């Protein structure tokens, strides 16, 4: 378990990083995915613990039934090792009940 001094130091470094002029103004070279999505995937390397930042096709909620459900959010793989899509989880009255 980290000690209080270590936690305070990590918090101070994170605050200093987030309050920097470069972080506020968005200066510096950015990757293509950062420019397109607006999410800096390098944030995971700035902190010692995982941040849970997601980017890419499955990162945002949408009204699409084609959205892939990741395994860490309850998605399952079929016989062909494909992840389930959102349309397969309709709830009561879904495809399982309509047969």
PDB file of N, CA and C in Angstrom:
ATOM      1  N   UNK A   1       0.853  -1.186   0.000  1.00  0.00           N
ATOM      2  CA  UNK A   1       0.000   0.000   0.000  1.00  0.00           C
ATOM      3  C   UNK A   1       0.892   1.241   0.000  1.00  0.00           C
ATOM      4  N   UNK A   2       0.663   2.157  -0.922  1.00  0.00           N
ATOM      5  CA  UNK A   2       1.492   3.368  -0.976  1.00  0.00           C
ATOM      6  C   UNK A   2       1.295   4.232   0.273  1.00  0.00           C
ATOM      7  N   UNK A   3       2.365   4.875   0.633  1.00  0.00           N
ATOM      8  CA  UNK A   3       2.289   5.755   1.794  1.00  0.00           C
ATOM      9  C   UNK A   3       1.720   7.106   1.389  1.00  0.00           C
ATOM     10  N   UNK A   4       1.321   7.880   2.369  1.00  0.00           N
ATOM     11  CA  UNK A   4       0.700   9.180   2.131  1.00  0.00           C
ATOM     12  C   UNK A   4       1.637  10.116   1.372  1.00  0.00           C
ATOM     13  N   UNK A   5       2.927  10.097   1.728  1.00  0.00           N
ATOM     14  CA  UNK A   5       3.883  10.984   1.055  1.00  0.00           C
ATOM     15  C   UNK A   5       3.988  10.644  -0.433  1.00  0.00           C
ATOM     16  N   UNK A   6       3.991   9.346  -0.730  1.00  0.00           N
ATOM     17  CA  UNK A   6       4.089   8.927  -2.130  1.00  0.00           C
ATOM     18  C   UNK A   6       2.836   9.322  -2.909  1.00  0.00           C
ATOM     19  N   UNK A   7       1.674   9.150  -2.304  1.00  0.00           N
ATOM     20  CA  UNK A   7       0.426   9.545  -2.954  1.00  0.00           C
ATOM     21  C   UNK A   7       0.374  11.052  -3.182  1.00  0.00           C
ATOM     22  N   UNK A   8       0.834  11.818  -2.194  1.00  0.00           N
ATOM     23  CA  UNK A   8       0.868  13.276  -2.347  1.00  0.00           C
ATOM     24  C   UNK A   8       1.810  13.691  -3.474  1.00  0.00           C
ATOM     25  N   UNK A   9       2.947  12.999  -3.584  1.00  0.00           N
ATOM     26  CA  UNK A   9       3.909  13.317  -4.643  1.00  0.00           C
ATOM     27  C   UNK A   9       3.317  13.007  -6.023  1.00  0.00           C
ATOM     28  N   UNK A  10       2.645  11.864  -6.151  1.00  0.00           N
ATOM     29  CA  UNK A  10       2.024  11.494  -7.425  1.00  0.00           C
ATOM     30  C   UNK A  10       0.938  12.497  -7.794  1.00  0.00           C
ATOM     31  N   UNK A  11       0.127  12.888  -6.808  1.00  0.00           N
ATOM     32  CA  UNK A  11      -0.941  13.859  -7.064  1.00  0.00           C
ATOM     33  C   UNK A  11      -0.361  15.213  -7.470  1.00  0.00           C
ATOM     34  N   UNK A  12       0.711  15.636  -6.818  1.00  0.00           N
ATOM     35  CA  UNK A  12       1.343  16.913  -7.152  1.00  0.00           C
ATOM     36  C   UNK A  12       1.909  16.882  -8.573  1.00  0.00           C
ATOM     37  N   UNK A  13       2.561  15.771  -8.939  1.00  0.00           N
ATOM     38  CA  UNK A  13       3.102  15.652 -10.301  1.00  0.00           C
ATOM     39  C   UNK A  13       1.991  15.645 -11.346  1.00  0.00           C
ATOM     40  N   UNK A  14       0.893  14.955 -11.060  1.00  0.00           N
ATOM     41  CA  UNK A  14      -0.232  14.923 -12.002  1.00  0.00           C
ATOM     42  C   UNK A  14      -0.845  16.307 -12.152  1.00  0.00           C
ATOM     43  N   UNK A  15      -1.010  17.006 -11.035  1.00  0.00           N
ATOM     44  CA  UNK A  15      -1.570  18.358 -11.086  1.00  0.00           C
ATOM     45  C   UNK A  15      -0.643  19.295 -11.855  1.00  0.00           C
ATOM     46  N   UNK A  16       0.647  19.171 -11.615  1.00  0.00           N
ATOM     47  CA  UNK A  16       1.625  20.011 -12.311  1.00  0.00           C
ATOM     48  C   UNK A  16       1.582  19.741 -13.818  1.00  0.00           C
ATOM     49  N   UNK A  17       1.458  18.469 -14.194  1.00  0.00           N
ATOM     50  CA  UNK A  17       1.399  18.107 -15.611  1.00  0.00           C
ATOM     51  C   UNK A  17       0.129  18.641 -16.261  1.00  0.00           C
ATOM     52  N   UNK A  18      -1.003  18.498 -15.593  1.00  0.00           N
ATOM     53  CA  UNK A  18      -2.274  18.935 -16.166  1.00  0.00           C
ATOM     54  C   UNK A  18      -2.412  20.452 -16.201  1.00  0.00           C
ATOM     55  N   UNK A  19      -1.718  21.149 -15.326  1.00  0.00           N
ATOM     56  CA  UNK A  19      -1.791  22.609 -15.287  1.00  0.00           C
ATOM     57  C   UNK A  19      -0.704  23.282 -16.115  1.00  0.00           C
ATOM     58  N   UNK A  20       0.090  22.510 -16.834  1.00  0.00           N
ATOM     59  CA  UNK A  20       1.149  23.114 -17.636  1.00  0.00           C
ATOM     60  C   UNK A  20       0.549  23.872 -18.822  1.00  0.00           C
ATOM     61  N   UNK A  21       1.303  24.844 -19.309  1.00  0.00           N
ATOM     62  CA  UNK A  21       0.859  25.641 -20.451  1.00  0.00           C
ATOM     63  C   UNK A  21       0.648  24.749 -21.671  1.00  0.00           C
ATOM     64  N   UNK A  22       1.553  23.791 -21.860  1.00  0.00           N
ATOM     65  CA  UNK A  22       1.458  22.902 -23.016  1.00  0.00           C
ATOM     66  C   UNK A  22       0.197  22.046 -22.948  1.00  0.00           C
ATOM     67  N   UNK A  23      -0.140  21.544 -21.767  1.00  0.00           N
ATOM     68  CA  UNK A  23      -1.345  20.717 -21.632  1.00  0.00           C
ATOM     69  C   UNK A  23      -2.607  21.539 -21.861  1.00  0.00           C
ATOM     70  N   UNK A  24      -2.613  22.770 -21.393  1.00  0.00           N
ATOM     71  CA  UNK A  24      -3.804  23.612 -21.539  1.00  0.00           C
ATOM     72  C   UNK A  24      -3.996  24.099 -22.972  1.00  0.00           C
ATOM     73  N   UNK A  25      -2.899  24.409 -23.662  1.00  0.00           N
ATOM     74  CA  UNK A  25      -2.989  24.962 -25.009  1.00  0.00           C
ATOM     75  C   UNK A  25      -2.928  23.893 -26.094  1.00  0.00           C
ATOM     76  N   UNK A  26      -2.528  22.681 -25.737  1.00  0.00           N
ATOM     77  CA  UNK A  26      -2.444  21.616 -26.724  1.00  0.00           C
ATOM     78  C   UNK A  26      -1.281  21.783 -27.676  1.00  0.00           C
ATOM     79  N   UNK A  27      -0.185  22.339 -27.184  1.00  0.00           N
ATOM     80  CA  UNK A  27       0.985  22.555 -28.030  1.00  0.00           C
ATOM     81  C   UNK A  27       1.762  21.261 -28.211  1.00  0.00           C
ATOM     82  N   UNK A  28       2.590  21.225 -29.186  1.00  0.00           N
ATOM     83  CA  UNK A  28       3.430  20.061 -29.419  1.00  0.00           C
ATOM     84  C   UNK A  28       2.846  19.159 -30.491  1.00  0.00           C
ATOM     85  N   UNK A  29       3.673  18.235 -30.935  1.00  0.00           N
ATOM     86  CA  UNK A  29       3.261  17.298 -31.989  1.00  0.00           C
ATOM     87  C   UNK A  29       2.279  16.280 -31.426  1.00  0.00           C
ATOM     88  N   UNK A  30       1.216  16.029 -32.183  1.00  0.00           N
ATOM     89  CA  UNK A  30       0.206  15.067 -31.769  1.00  0.00           C
ATOM     90  C   UNK A  30       0.134  13.951 -32.795  1.00  0.00           C
ATOM     91  N   UNK A  31      -0.209  12.768 -32.320  1.00  0.00           N
ATOM     92  CA  UNK A  31      -0.375  11.645 -33.242  1.00  0.00           C
ATOM     93  C   UNK A  31      -1.652  11.831 -34.053  1.00  0.00           C
ATOM     94  N   UNK A  32      -1.768  11.085 -35.130  1.00  0.00           N
ATOM     95  CA  UNK A  32      -2.960  11.180 -35.978  1.00  0.00           C
ATOM     96  C   UNK A  32      -4.222  10.805 -35.219  1.00  0.00           C
ATOM     97  N   UNK A  33      -4.134   9.768 -34.377  1.00  0.00           N
ATOM     98  CA  UNK A  33      -5.328   9.349 -33.641  1.00  0.00           C
ATOM     99  C   UNK A  33      -5.742  10.402 -32.619  1.00  0.00           C
ATOM    100  N   UNK A  34      -4.777  11.115 -32.041  1.00  0.00           N
ATOM    101  CA  UNK A  34      -5.108  12.182 -31.095  1.00  0.00           C
ATOM    102  C   UNK A  34      -5.807  13.326 -31.811  1.00  0.00           C
ATOM    103  N   UNK A  35      -5.322  13.675 -32.987  1.00  0.00           N
ATOM    104  CA  UNK A  35      -5.929  14.756 -33.759  1.00  0.00           C
ATOM    105  C   UNK A  35      -7.351  14.383 -34.173  1.00  0.00           C
ATOM    106  N   UNK A  36      -7.543  13.145 -34.636  1.00  0.00           N
ATOM    107  CA  UNK A  36      -8.853  12.716 -35.117  1.00  0.00           C
ATOM    108  C   UNK A  36      -9.872  12.554 -33.996  1.00  0.00           C
ATOM    109  N   UNK A  37      -9.445  11.946 -32.877  1.00  0.00           N
ATOM    110  CA  UNK A  37     -10.406  11.625 -31.819  1.00  0.00           C
ATOM    111  C   UNK A  37     -10.453  12.660 -30.708  1.00  0.00           C
ATOM    112  N   UNK A  38      -9.401  13.431 -30.552  1.00  0.00           N
ATOM    113  CA  UNK A  38      -9.349  14.378 -29.446  1.00  0.00           C
ATOM    114  C   UNK A  38      -8.956  13.732 -28.131  1.00  0.00           C
ATOM    115  N   UNK A  39      -8.552  12.462 -28.159  1.00  0.00           N
ATOM    116  CA  UNK A  39      -8.152  11.732 -26.957  1.00  0.00           C
ATOM    117  C   UNK A  39      -6.667  11.435 -27.054  1.00  0.00           C
ATOM    118  N   UNK A  40      -5.912  11.851 -26.055  1.00  0.00           N
ATOM    119  CA  UNK A  40      -4.476  11.613 -26.031  1.00  0.00           C
ATOM    120  C   UNK A  40      -4.220  10.240 -25.422  1.00  0.00           C
ATOM    121  N   UNK A  41      -3.875   9.264 -26.266  1.00  0.00           N
ATOM    122  CA  UNK A  41      -3.666   7.904 -25.769  1.00  0.00           C
ATOM    123  C   UNK A  41      -2.394   7.770 -24.946  1.00  0.00           C
ATOM    124  N   UNK A  42      -1.532   8.771 -24.969  1.00  0.00           N
ATOM    125  CA  UNK A  42      -0.296   8.727 -24.194  1.00  0.00           C
ATOM    126  C   UNK A  42      -0.526   9.016 -22.712  1.00  0.00           C
ATOM    127  N   UNK A  43      -1.752   9.328 -22.330  1.00  0.00           N
ATOM    128  CA  UNK A  43      -2.042   9.640 -20.935  1.00  0.00           C
ATOM    129  C   UNK A  43      -1.762   8.437 -20.038  1.00  0.00           C
ATOM    130  N   UNK A  44      -1.876   7.227 -20.568  1.00  0.00           N
ATOM    131  CA  UNK A  44      -1.586   6.034 -19.768  1.00  0.00           C
ATOM    132  C   UNK A  44      -0.129   5.982 -19.345  1.00  0.00           C
ATOM    133  N   UNK A  45       0.760   6.589 -20.112  1.00  0.00           N
ATOM    134  CA  UNK A  45       2.176   6.569 -19.769  1.00  0.00           C
ATOM    135  C   UNK A  45       2.542   7.661 -18.772  1.00  0.00           C
ATOM    136  N   UNK A  46       1.660   8.596 -18.534  1.00  0.00           N
ATOM    137  CA  UNK A  46       1.948   9.680 -17.597  1.00  0.00           C
ATOM    138  C   UNK A  46       1.684   9.293 -16.152  1.00  0.00           C
ATOM    139  N   UNK A  47       0.872   8.288 -15.945  1.00  0.00           N
ATOM    140  CA  UNK A  47       0.484   7.905 -14.594  1.00  0.00           C
ATOM    141  C   UNK A  47       0.935   6.481 -14.313  1.00  0.00           C
ATOM    142  N   UNK A  48       1.241   6.201 -13.056  1.00  0.00           N
ATOM    143  CA  UNK A  48       1.762   4.885 -12.699  1.00  0.00           C
ATOM    144  C   UNK A  48       0.680   3.817 -12.684  1.00  0.00           C
ATOM    145  N   UNK A  49      -0.573   4.199 -12.488  1.00  0.00           N
ATOM    146  CA  UNK A  49      -1.668   3.237 -12.470  1.00  0.00           C
ATOM    147  C   UNK A  49      -2.485   3.393 -13.746  1.00  0.00           C
ATOM    148  N   UNK A  50      -3.177   2.321 -14.170  1.00  0.00           N
ATOM    149  CA  UNK A  50      -3.985   2.413 -15.393  1.00  0.00           C
ATOM    150  C   UNK A  50      -5.078   3.468 -15.273  1.00  0.00           C
ATOM    151  N   UNK A  51      -5.308   4.198 -16.352  1.00  0.00           N
ATOM    152  CA  UNK A  51      -6.295   5.278 -16.324  1.00  0.00           C
ATOM    153  C   UNK A  51      -7.649   4.851 -16.850  1.00  0.00           C
ATOM    154  N   UNK A  52      -7.698   3.808 -17.640  1.00  0.00           N
ATOM    155  CA  UNK A  52      -8.966   3.372 -18.211  1.00  0.00           C
ATOM    156  C   UNK A  52      -9.389   4.203 -19.410  1.00  0.00           C
ATOM    157  N   UNK A  53      -8.473   4.977 -19.984  1.00  0.00           N
ATOM    158  CA  UNK A  53      -8.791   5.775 -21.166  1.00  0.00           C
ATOM    159  C   UNK A  53      -8.920   4.845 -22.361  1.00  0.00           C
ATOM    160  N   UNK A  54     -10.022   4.971 -23.086  1.00  0.00           N
ATOM    161  CA  UNK A  54     -10.247   4.139 -24.266  1.00  0.00           C
ATOM    162  C   UNK A  54     -10.307   5.030 -25.492  1.00  0.00           C
ATOM    163  N   UNK A  55      -9.818   4.506 -26.594  1.00  0.00           N
ATOM    164  CA  UNK A  55      -9.891   5.214 -27.860  1.00  0.00           C
ATOM    165  C   UNK A  55     -10.063   4.186 -28.961  1.00  0.00           C
ATOM    166  N   UNK A  56     -10.570   4.611 -30.069  1.00  0.00           N
ATOM    167  CA  UNK A  56     -10.805   3.699 -31.174  1.00  0.00           C
ATOM    168  C   UNK A  56     -12.284   3.448 -31.387  1.00  0.00           C
ATOM    169  N   UNK A  57     -12.626   2.447 -32.214  1.00  0.00           N
ATOM    170  CA  UNK A  57     -14.022   2.248 -32.598  1.00  0.00           C
ATOM    171  C   UNK A  57     -14.955   1.880 -31.453  1.00  0.00           C
ATOM    172  N   UNK A  58     -14.490   1.207 -30.427  1.00  0.00           N
ATOM    173  CA  UNK A  58     -15.382   0.794 -29.349  1.00  0.00           C
ATOM    174  C   UNK A  58     -15.340   1.696 -28.137  1.00  0.00           C
ATOM    175  N   UNK A  59     -14.822   2.901 -28.279  1.00  0.00           N
ATOM    176  CA  UNK A  59     -14.598   3.736 -27.105  1.00  0.00           C
ATOM    177  C   UNK A  59     -15.781   4.599 -26.712  1.00  0.00           C
ATOM    178  N   UNK A  60     -16.676   4.886 -27.620  1.00  0.00           N
ATOM    179  CA  UNK A  60     -17.768   5.808 -27.312  1.00  0.00           C
ATOM    180  C   UNK A  60     -19.115   5.119 -27.486  1.00  0.00           C
ATOM    181  N   UNK A  61     -20.059   5.586 -26.718  1.00  0.00           N
ATOM    182  CA  UNK A  61     -21.416   5.065 -26.864  1.00  0.00           C
ATOM    183  C   UNK A  61     -22.026   5.625 -28.142  1.00  0.00           C
ATOM    184  N   UNK A  62     -22.797   4.806 -28.795  1.00  0.00           N
ATOM    185  CA  UNK A  62     -23.485   5.268 -29.991  1.00  0.00           C
ATOM    186  C   UNK A  62     -24.790   4.512 -30.110  1.00  0.00           C
ATOM    187  N   UNK A  63     -25.646   4.976 -30.966  1.00  0.00           N
ATOM    188  CA  UNK A  63     -26.923   4.317 -31.168  1.00  0.00           C
ATOM    189  C   UNK A  63     -26.830   3.170 -32.150  1.00  0.00           C
ATOM    190  N   UNK A  64     -25.640   2.800 -32.519  1.00  0.00           N
ATOM    191  CA  UNK A  64     -25.458   1.777 -33.537  1.00  0.00           C
ATOM    192  C   UNK A  64     -25.558   0.383 -32.943  1.00  0.00           C
ATOM    193  N   UNK A  65     -26.289  -0.482 -33.623  1.00  0.00           N
ATOM    194  CA  UNK A  65     -26.358  -1.879 -33.213  1.00  0.00           C
ATOM    195  C   UNK A  65     -25.112  -2.648 -33.623  1.00  0.00           C
ATOM    196  N   UNK A  66     -24.252  -2.010 -34.412  1.00  0.00           N
ATOM    197  CA  UNK A  66     -23.029  -2.676 -34.863  1.00  0.00           C
ATOM    198  C   UNK A  66     -21.870  -2.472 -33.904  1.00  0.00           C
ATOM    199  N   UNK A  67     -22.059  -1.697 -32.846  1.00  0.00           N
ATOM    200  CA  UNK A  67     -20.991  -1.431 -31.886  1.00  0.00           C
ATOM    201  C   UNK A  67     -20.540  -2.735 -31.241  1.00  0.00           C
ATOM    202  N   UNK A  68     -19.251  -2.990 -31.243  1.00  0.00           N
ATOM    203  CA  UNK A  68     -18.702  -4.211 -30.656  1.00  0.00           C
ATOM    204  C   UNK A  68     -18.618  -4.037 -29.143  1.00  0.00           C
ATOM    205  N   UNK A  69     -19.081  -5.042 -28.405  1.00  0.00           N
ATOM    206  CA  UNK A  69     -19.035  -5.019 -26.943  1.00  0.00           C
ATOM    207  C   UNK A  69     -17.722  -5.670 -26.505  1.00  0.00           C
ATOM    208  N   UNK A  70     -16.792  -4.912 -25.886  1.00  0.00           N
ATOM    209  CA  UNK A  70     -15.526  -5.494 -25.447  1.00  0.00           C
ATOM    210  C   UNK A  70     -15.750  -6.542 -24.356  1.00  0.00           C
ATOM    211  N   UNK A  71     -14.811  -7.475 -24.250  1.00  0.00           N
ATOM    212  CA  UNK A  71     -14.933  -8.536 -23.250  1.00  0.00           C
ATOM    213  C   UNK A  71     -14.932  -7.983 -21.832  1.00  0.00           C
ATOM    214  N   UNK A  72     -14.178  -6.911 -21.589  1.00  0.00           N
ATOM    215  CA  UNK A  72     -14.143  -6.360 -20.235  1.00  0.00           C
ATOM    216  C   UNK A  72     -15.441  -5.659 -19.859  1.00  0.00           C
ATOM    217  N   UNK A  73     -16.364  -5.493 -20.817  1.00  0.00           N
ATOM    218  CA  UNK A  73     -17.666  -4.901 -20.527  1.00  0.00           C
ATOM    219  C   UNK A  73     -18.795  -5.910 -20.694  1.00  0.00           C
ATOM    220  N   UNK A  74     -18.454  -7.195 -20.725  1.00  0.00           N
ATOM    221  CA  UNK A  74     -19.475  -8.229 -20.783  1.00  0.00           C
ATOM    222  C   UNK A  74     -19.672  -8.863 -22.137  1.00  0.00           C
ATOM    223  N   UNK A  75     -18.899  -8.467 -23.126  1.00  0.00           N
ATOM    224  CA  UNK A  75     -19.011  -9.068 -24.447  1.00  0.00           C
ATOM    225  C   UNK A  75     -18.483 -10.495 -24.447  1.00  0.00           C
ATOM    226  N   UNK A  76     -19.038 -11.321 -25.292  1.00  0.00           N
ATOM    227  CA  UNK A  76     -18.605 -12.713 -25.393  1.00  0.00           C
ATOM    228  C   UNK A  76     -18.182 -13.003 -26.826  1.00  0.00           C
ATOM    229  N   UNK A  77     -17.406 -14.045 -26.983  1.00  0.00           N
ATOM    230  CA  UNK A  77     -16.949 -14.456 -28.311  1.00  0.00           C
ATOM    231  C   UNK A  77     -17.774 -15.646 -28.784  1.00  0.00           C
ATOM    232  N   UNK A  78     -18.062 -15.671 -30.086  1.00  0.00           N
ATOM    233  CA  UNK A  78     -18.819 -16.785 -30.648  1.00  0.00           C
ATOM    234  C   UNK A  78     -17.862 -17.899 -31.079  1.00  0.00           C
ATOM    235  N   UNK A  79     -18.393 -18.902 -31.783  1.00  0.00           N
ATOM    236  CA  UNK A  79     -17.590 -20.050 -32.209  1.00  0.00           C
ATOM    237  C   UNK A  79     -16.469 -19.661 -33.162  1.00  0.00           C
ATOM    238  N   UNK A  80     -16.630 -18.558 -33.860  1.00  0.00           N
ATOM    239  CA  UNK A  80     -15.612 -18.099 -34.808  1.00  0.00           C
ATOM    240  C   UNK A  80     -14.695 -17.047 -34.196  1.00  0.00           C
ATOM    241  N   UNK A  81     -14.744 -16.907 -32.863  1.00  0.00           N
ATOM    242  CA  UNK A  81     -13.880 -16.004 -32.092  1.00  0.00           C
ATOM    243  C   UNK A  81     -14.148 -14.530 -32.388  1.00  0.00           C
ATOM    244  N   UNK A  82     -15.387 -14.199 -32.762  1.00  0.00           N
ATOM    245  CA  UNK A  82     -15.766 -12.806 -33.005  1.00  0.00           C
ATOM    246  C   UNK A  82     -16.477 -12.276 -31.770  1.00  0.00           C
ATOM    247  N   UNK A  83     -16.236 -11.009 -31.463  1.00  0.00           N
ATOM    248  CA  UNK A  83     -16.919 -10.384 -30.328  1.00  0.00           C
ATOM    249  C   UNK A  83     -18.364 -10.069 -30.689  1.00  0.00           C
ATOM    250  N   UNK A  84     -19.227 -10.117 -29.685  1.00  0.00           N
ATOM    251  CA  UNK A  84     -20.649  -9.843 -29.888  1.00  0.00           C
ATOM    252  C   UNK A  84     -20.863  -8.369 -30.210  1.00  0.00           C
ATOM    253  N   UNK A  85     -21.910  -8.090 -30.956  1.00  0.00           N
ATOM    254  CA  UNK A  85     -22.280  -6.717 -31.298  1.00  0.00           C
ATOM    255  C   UNK A  85     -23.463  -6.285 -30.448  1.00  0.00           C
ATOM    256  N   UNK A  86     -23.672  -4.992 -30.353  1.00  0.00           N
ATOM    257  CA  UNK A  86     -24.714  -4.437 -29.486  1.00  0.00           C
ATOM    258  C   UNK A  86     -26.103  -4.912 -29.879  1.00  0.00           C
ATOM    259  N   UNK A  87     -26.350  -5.148 -31.148  1.00  0.00           N
ATOM    260  CA  UNK A  87     -27.659  -5.596 -31.603  1.00  0.00           C
ATOM    261  C   UNK A  87     -28.062  -6.951 -31.058  1.00  0.00           C
ATOM    262  N   UNK A  88     -27.089  -7.723 -30.572  1.00  0.00           N
ATOM    263  CA  UNK A  88     -27.386  -9.033 -30.011  1.00  0.00           C
ATOM    264  C   UNK A  88     -27.854  -8.944 -28.562  1.00  0.00           C
ATOM    265  N   UNK A  89     -27.827  -7.773 -27.964  1.00  0.00           N
ATOM    266  CA  UNK A  89     -28.218  -7.575 -26.575  1.00  0.00           C
ATOM    267  C   UNK A  89     -29.400  -6.623 -26.520  1.00  0.00           C
ATOM    268  N   UNK A  90     -30.551  -7.065 -26.968  1.00  0.00           N
ATOM    269  CA  UNK A  90     -31.727  -6.206 -27.008  1.00  0.00           C
ATOM    270  C   UNK A  90     -32.534  -6.241 -25.718  1.00  0.00           C
ATOM    271  N   UNK A  91     -32.263  -7.191 -24.837  1.00  0.00           N
ATOM    272  CA  UNK A  91     -33.049  -7.298 -23.615  1.00  0.00           C
ATOM    273  C   UNK A  91     -34.322  -8.089 -23.849  1.00  0.00           C
ATOM    274  N   UNK A  92     -35.343  -7.858 -23.020  1.00  0.00           N
ATOM    275  CA  UNK A  92     -36.600  -8.587 -23.129  1.00  0.00           C
ATOM    276  C   UNK A  92     -37.240  -8.266 -24.471  1.00  0.00           C
ATOM    277  N   UNK A  93     -37.679  -9.311 -25.157  1.00  0.00           N
ATOM    278  CA  UNK A  93     -38.248  -9.127 -26.484  1.00  0.00           C
ATOM    279  C   UNK A  93     -37.192  -9.123 -27.562  1.00  0.00           C
ATOM    280  N   UNK A  94     -35.973  -9.510 -27.198  1.00  0.00           N
ATOM    281  CA  UNK A  94     -34.879  -9.549 -28.151  1.00  0.00           C
ATOM    282  C   UNK A  94     -34.981 -10.756 -29.060  1.00  0.00           C
ATOM    283  N   UNK A  95     -33.954 -11.008 -29.852  1.00  0.00           N
ATOM    284  CA  UNK A  95     -34.008 -12.088 -30.826  1.00  0.00           C
ATOM    285  C   UNK A  95     -34.259 -13.463 -30.206  1.00  0.00           C
ATOM    286  N   UNK A  96     -33.777 -13.678 -28.968  1.00  0.00           N
ATOM    287  CA  UNK A  96     -33.982 -14.979 -28.332  1.00  0.00           C
ATOM    288  C   UNK A  96     -35.463 -15.238 -28.067  1.00  0.00           C
ATOM    289  N   UNK A  97     -36.207 -14.195 -27.718  1.00  0.00           N
ATOM    290  CA  UNK A  97     -37.627 -14.341 -27.392  1.00  0.00           C
ATOM    291  C   UNK A  97     -38.513 -14.309 -28.627  1.00  0.00           C
ATOM    292  N   UNK A  98     -38.000 -13.879 -29.750  1.00  0.00           N
ATOM    293  CA  UNK A  98     -38.816 -13.724 -30.955  1.00  0.00           C
ATOM    294  C   UNK A  98     -38.813 -14.973 -31.833  1.00  0.00           C
ATOM    295  N   UNK A  99     -38.126 -16.004 -31.418  1.00  0.00           N
ATOM    296  CA  UNK A  99     -38.050 -17.234 -32.222  1.00  0.00           C
ATOM    297  C   UNK A  99     -39.340 -18.008 -32.111  1.00  0.00           C
TER     298      UNK A  99
END
